[in-house]
C-alpha atoms as a PDB file:
ATOM      1  CA  MET A   1      -7.980  -1.245   9.644  1.00  0.00           C
ATOM      2  CA  VAL A   2      -5.094  -1.216  12.094  1.00  0.00           C
ATOM      3  CA  GLY A   3      -4.654   1.883  14.260  1.00  0.00           C
ATOM      4  CA  ASN A   4      -6.089   5.325  13.593  1.00  0.00           C
ATOM      5  CA  SER A   5      -5.191   8.972  13.165  1.00  0.00           C
ATOM      6  CA  SER A   6      -8.069  10.624  14.974  1.00  0.00           C
ATOM      7  CA  GLY A   7      -7.073  13.730  16.867  1.00  0.00           C
ATOM      8  CA  THR A   8      -3.338  13.347  16.273  1.00  0.00           C
ATOM      9  CA  GLY A   9      -2.670  15.669  13.354  1.00  0.00           C
ATOM     10  CA  VAL A  10      -0.620  12.941  11.675  1.00  0.00           C
ATOM     11  CA  PHE A  11      -1.449  10.023   9.420  1.00  0.00           C
ATOM     12  CA  ARG A  12      -1.052   6.708  11.180  1.00  0.00           C
ATOM     13  CA  GLY A  13      -2.354   3.222  10.796  1.00  0.00           C
ATOM     14  CA  ARG A  14      -2.803   0.644   8.089  1.00  0.00           C
ATOM     15  CA  HIS A  15      -6.147   0.475   6.282  1.00  0.00           C
ATOM     16  CA  TYR A  16      -7.193  -2.403   3.979  1.00  0.00           C
ATOM     17  CA  LEU A  17      -9.687  -1.237   1.364  1.00  0.00           C
ATOM     18  CA  SER A  18     -11.082  -1.948  -2.095  1.00  0.00           C
ATOM     19  CA  ILE A  19     -10.842   0.077  -5.288  1.00  0.00           C
ATOM     20  CA  ASP A  20     -14.233   0.391  -6.983  1.00  0.00           C
ATOM     21  CA  ALA A  21     -14.877  -0.254 -10.679  1.00  0.00           C
ATOM     22  CA  LYS A  22     -14.195   3.419 -11.513  1.00  0.00           C
ATOM     23  CA  GLY A  23     -10.794   3.424  -9.780  1.00  0.00           C
ATOM     24  CA  ARG A  24     -11.884   5.205  -6.607  1.00  0.00           C
ATOM     25  CA  VAL A  25     -10.729   4.356  -3.121  1.00  0.00           C
ATOM     26  CA  ASN A  26     -12.134   5.560   0.163  1.00  0.00           C
ATOM     27  CA  VAL A  27      -9.838   7.782   2.196  1.00  0.00           C
ATOM     28  CA  PRO A  28     -10.298   6.466   5.743  1.00  0.00           C
ATOM     29  CA  ALA A  29     -12.151   8.832   8.072  1.00  0.00           C
ATOM     30  CA  PRO A  30      -9.134   9.312  10.392  1.00  0.00           C
ATOM     31  CA  PHE A  31      -7.038  10.410   7.388  1.00  0.00           C
ATOM     32  CA  ARG A  32      -9.780  12.799   6.212  1.00  0.00           C
ATOM     33  CA  GLU A  33      -9.904  14.263   9.733  1.00  0.00           C
ATOM     34  CA  VAL A  34      -6.174  14.991   9.579  1.00  0.00           C
ATOM     35  CA  LEU A  35      -6.574  16.583   6.135  1.00  0.00           C
ATOM     36  CA  VAL A  36      -9.375  18.866   7.278  1.00  0.00           C
ATOM     37  CA  ASN A  37      -8.238  19.613  10.839  1.00  0.00           C
ATOM     38  CA  ARG A  38      -4.521  20.079  10.178  1.00  0.00           C
ATOM     39  CA  PHE A  39      -4.424  21.136   6.521  1.00  0.00           C
ATOM     40  CA  GLY A  40      -7.855  22.762   6.116  1.00  0.00           C
ATOM     41  CA  GLU A  41      -9.019  20.723   3.118  1.00  0.00           C
ATOM     42  CA  ALA A  42      -9.616  17.148   1.976  1.00  0.00           C
ATOM     43  CA  ARG A  43      -7.343  17.337  -1.079  1.00  0.00           C
ATOM     44  CA  LEU A  44      -4.212  15.386  -1.840  1.00  0.00           C
ATOM     45  CA  MET A  45      -1.433  15.402  -4.404  1.00  0.00           C
ATOM     46  CA  LEU A  46      -0.989  11.869  -5.689  1.00  0.00           C
ATOM     47  CA  ALA A  47       2.345  10.828  -7.209  1.00  0.00           C
ATOM     48  CA  THR A  48       4.142   7.708  -8.372  1.00  0.00           C
ATOM     49  CA  VAL A  49       7.276   6.948  -6.400  1.00  0.00           C
ATOM     50  CA  PHE A  50      10.237   4.656  -7.043  1.00  0.00           C
ATOM     51  CA  ASP A  51       8.565   1.744  -5.255  1.00  0.00           C
ATOM     52  CA  PRO A  52       5.564   0.104  -6.941  1.00  0.00           C
ATOM     53  CA  CYS A  53       3.091   2.174  -4.953  1.00  0.00           C
ATOM     54  CA  LEU A  54       1.529   5.628  -4.875  1.00  0.00           C
ATOM     55  CA  ARG A  55       2.164   8.397  -2.404  1.00  0.00           C
ATOM     56  CA  ALA A  56      -0.427  10.977  -1.408  1.00  0.00           C
ATOM     57  CA  TYR A  57       0.536  14.294   0.168  1.00  0.00           C
ATOM     58  CA  PRO A  58      -1.556  17.101   1.620  1.00  0.00           C
ATOM     59  CA  LEU A  59      -1.137  20.142  -0.645  1.00  0.00           C
ATOM     60  CA  GLU A  60       0.919  21.973   1.983  1.00  0.00           C
ATOM     61  CA  GLU A  61       3.388  19.082   2.193  1.00  0.00           C
ATOM     62  CA  TRP A  62       3.577  18.803  -1.606  1.00  0.00           C
ATOM     63  CA  GLU A  63       4.369  22.515  -1.924  1.00  0.00           C
ATOM     64  CA  GLN A  64       7.380  21.990   0.361  1.00  0.00           C
ATOM     65  CA  ILE A  65       8.574  19.215  -1.958  1.00  0.00           C
ATOM     66  CA  GLU A  66       8.232  21.564  -4.948  1.00  0.00           C
ATOM     67  CA  VAL A  67      10.214  24.309  -3.196  1.00  0.00           C
ATOM     68  CA  ALA A  68      13.025  21.866  -2.366  1.00  0.00           C
ATOM     69  CA  ALA A  69      12.933  20.409  -5.896  1.00  0.00           C
ATOM     70  CA  SER A  70      13.208  23.826  -7.511  1.00  0.00           C
ATOM     71  CA  ALA A  71      16.462  24.411  -5.634  1.00  0.00           C
ATOM     72  CA  MET A  72      18.075  21.241  -7.030  1.00  0.00           C
ATOM     73  CA  GLN A  73      20.662  21.339  -9.792  1.00  0.00           C
ATOM     74  CA  SER A  74      18.675  20.356 -12.892  1.00  0.00           C
ATOM     75  CA  THR A  75      21.743  19.159 -14.814  1.00  0.00           C
ATOM     76  CA  ASN A  76      22.274  16.226 -12.431  1.00  0.00           C
ATOM     77  CA  THR A  77      21.095  12.937 -14.004  1.00  0.00           C
ATOM     78  CA  ALA A  78      19.418  11.703 -10.801  1.00  0.00           C
ATOM     79  CA  VAL A  79      17.617  15.024 -10.405  1.00  0.00           C
ATOM     80  CA  LYS A  80      16.362  14.788 -13.992  1.00  0.00           C
ATOM     81  CA  GLN A  81      14.965  11.315 -13.285  1.00  0.00           C
ATOM     82  CA  TYR A  82      13.412  12.566 -10.044  1.00  0.00           C
ATOM     83  CA  PHE A  83      11.587  15.304 -11.955  1.00  0.00           C
ATOM     84  CA  ARG A  84      10.599  13.037 -14.852  1.00  0.00           C
ATOM     85  CA  HIS A  85       9.218  10.271 -12.674  1.00  0.00           C
ATOM     86  CA  PHE A  86       8.107  11.730  -9.348  1.00  0.00           C
ATOM     87  CA  ILE A  87       7.438  15.450  -9.772  1.00  0.00           C
ATOM     88  CA  SER A  88       5.769  15.138 -13.193  1.00  0.00           C
ATOM     89  CA  SER A  89       3.423  12.398 -11.984  1.00  0.00           C
ATOM     90  CA  ALA A  90       1.700  14.574  -9.369  1.00  0.00           C
ATOM     91  CA  GLU A  91      -2.050  14.958  -9.780  1.00  0.00           C
ATOM     92  CA  GLU A  92      -4.423  16.720  -7.444  1.00  0.00           C
ATOM     93  CA  CYS A  93      -7.178  14.530  -6.018  1.00  0.00           C
ATOM     94  CA  ALA A  94     -10.034  15.945  -3.971  1.00  0.00           C
ATOM     95  CA  CYS A  95     -12.204  13.742  -1.790  1.00  0.00           C
ATOM     96  CA  ASP A  96     -15.744  13.454  -3.121  1.00  0.00           C
ATOM     97  CA  LYS A  97     -18.831  13.615  -0.869  1.00  0.00           C
ATOM     98  CA  GLN A  98     -18.369   9.935   0.033  1.00  0.00           C
ATOM     99  CA  GLY A  99     -14.730  10.492   1.035  1.00  0.00           C
ATOM    100  CA  ARG A 100     -13.226   8.799  -2.040  1.00  0.00           C
ATOM    101  CA  ILE A 101     -10.414   9.857  -4.341  1.00  0.00           C
ATOM    102  CA  LEU A 102      -9.974   8.763  -7.928  1.00  0.00           C
ATOM    103  CA  LEU A 103      -6.698   6.974  -8.597  1.00  0.00           C
ATOM    104  CA  PRO A 104      -5.813   7.893 -12.198  1.00  0.00           C
ATOM    105  CA  PRO A 105      -5.464   4.904 -14.558  1.00  0.00           C
ATOM    106  CA  SER A 106      -1.775   5.605 -15.214  1.00  0.00           C
ATOM    107  CA  HIS A 107      -1.091   5.679 -11.489  1.00  0.00           C
ATOM    108  CA  ARG A 108      -3.010   2.441 -10.897  1.00  0.00           C
ATOM    109  CA  GLU A 109      -1.049   0.800 -13.702  1.00  0.00           C
ATOM    110  CA  TRP A 110       2.307   1.935 -12.255  1.00  0.00           C
ATOM    111  CA  ALA A 111       1.393   0.517  -8.845  1.00  0.00           C
ATOM    112  CA  GLY A 112      -0.025  -2.750 -10.224  1.00  0.00           C
ATOM    113  CA  MET A 113      -3.539  -1.996  -9.008  1.00  0.00           C
ATOM    114  CA  ASN A 114      -5.390  -3.429 -11.988  1.00  0.00           C
ATOM    115  CA  GLY A 115      -5.780  -6.912 -10.534  1.00  0.00           C
ATOM    116  CA  SER A 116      -7.267  -7.773  -7.155  1.00  0.00           C
ATOM    117  CA  GLY A 117      -8.858  -4.416  -6.435  1.00  0.00           C
ATOM    118  CA  GLN A 118      -7.531  -4.615  -2.875  1.00  0.00           C
ATOM    119  CA  VAL A 119      -5.229  -1.909  -1.534  1.00  0.00           C
ATOM    120  CA  VAL A 120      -3.509  -0.935   1.693  1.00  0.00           C
ATOM    121  CA  LEU A 121      -3.298   2.711   2.754  1.00  0.00           C
ATOM    122  CA  LEU A 122      -0.408   3.375   5.117  1.00  0.00           C
ATOM    123  CA  GLY A 123      -0.309   6.432   7.359  1.00  0.00           C
ATOM    124  CA  LEU A 124       3.284   7.691   7.307  1.00  0.00           C
ATOM    125  CA  VAL A 125       3.045  10.752   9.590  1.00  0.00           C
ATOM    126  CA  ASN A 126       2.877  13.503   6.928  1.00  0.00           C
ATOM    127  CA  LYS A 127       1.930  11.409   3.885  1.00  0.00           C
ATOM    128  CA  ILE A 128       0.005   8.320   2.831  1.00  0.00           C
ATOM    129  CA  GLU A 129       1.253   5.397   0.768  1.00  0.00           C
ATOM    130  CA  ILE A 130      -1.162   3.340  -1.305  1.00  0.00           C
ATOM    131  CA  TRP A 131      -0.097  -0.199  -2.200  1.00  0.00           C
ATOM    132  CA  GLU A 132      -1.773  -3.037  -4.056  1.00  0.00           C
ATOM    133  CA  LYS A 133      -2.400  -5.482  -1.207  1.00  0.00           C
ATOM    134  CA  THR A 134      -0.463  -8.512  -2.473  1.00  0.00           C
ATOM    135  CA  ALA A 135       2.506  -6.330  -3.556  1.00  0.00           C
ATOM    136  CA  TYR A 136       2.620  -4.730  -0.094  1.00  0.00           C
ATOM    137  CA  GLU A 137       2.470  -8.103   1.638  1.00  0.00           C
ATOM    138  CA  ALA A 138       5.234  -9.469  -0.617  1.00  0.00           C
ATOM    139  CA  ARG A 139       7.417  -6.404   0.057  1.00  0.00           C
ATOM    140  CA  MET A 140       6.962  -6.825   3.793  1.00  0.00           C
ATOM    141  CA  ARG A 141       7.851 -10.545   3.602  1.00  0.00           C
ATOM    142  CA  GLU A 142      11.055  -9.633   1.681  1.00  0.00           C
ATOM    143  CA  ALA A 143      12.079  -6.902   4.105  1.00  0.00           C
ATOM    144  CA  ASP A 144      14.981  -7.550   6.431  1.00  0.00           C
ATOM    145  CA  LEU A 145      13.243  -5.931   9.373  1.00  0.00           C
ATOM    146  CA  GLY A 146      16.129  -6.653  11.743  1.00  0.00           C
ATOM    147  CA  SER A 147      18.444  -4.540   9.573  1.00  0.00           C
ATOM    148  CA  VAL A 148      15.808  -1.811   9.394  1.00  0.00           C
ATOM    149  CA  GLU A 149      15.497  -1.727  13.182  1.00  0.00           C
ATOM    150  CA  GLU A 150      19.280  -1.554  13.584  1.00  0.00           C
ATOM    151  CA  ALA A 151      19.636   1.256  11.015  1.00  0.00           C
ATOM    152  CA  ILE A 152      16.823   3.304  12.544  1.00  0.00           C
ATOM    153  CA  THR A 153      18.300   2.918  16.026  1.00  0.00           C
ATOM    154  CA  GLN A 154      21.726   4.034  14.754  1.00  0.00           C
ATOM    155  CA  LEU A 155      20.088   7.112  13.183  1.00  0.00           C
ATOM    156  CA  GLY A 156      18.572   8.035  16.541  1.00  0.00           C
ATOM    157  CA  GLY A 157      15.073   6.768  15.846  1.00  0.00           C
ATOM    158  CA  GLN A 158      12.933   4.642  18.083  1.00  0.00           C
ATOM    159  CA  ILE A 159      11.203   1.348  17.467  1.00  0.00           C
END
């Protein structure tokens, strides 16, 4: 684990974990604390995104996505693809008594999680990304982080 979320109300940090034989992964305790303390429940909406990873949202955050999506023009080709890929993939996942969520087989397949069994959970303020470990490491090696830093600074962000 790198970093934590405890007491902040946001997801932060990078957690390296294993998927068990049934496709379950532990939601790190700091993330569960955020779910319970900020959102009132340890449930997530899990969706496939356009990167080869999964994204998990607290229900309250997911409902905001649905409201915004419902206002989009459904005749637009990109909007249709957004609905077909992202919105339709959402599945509710509740933490079990051991703090694990089940990653559905179709979601694991999309994100390439049928190999090593190692994943990285990334705290991204209001959501969590779940990557197969080697895919995440490869993506980070490919990233032009200097360009990212420059773009974020130009948009008024801080690094």
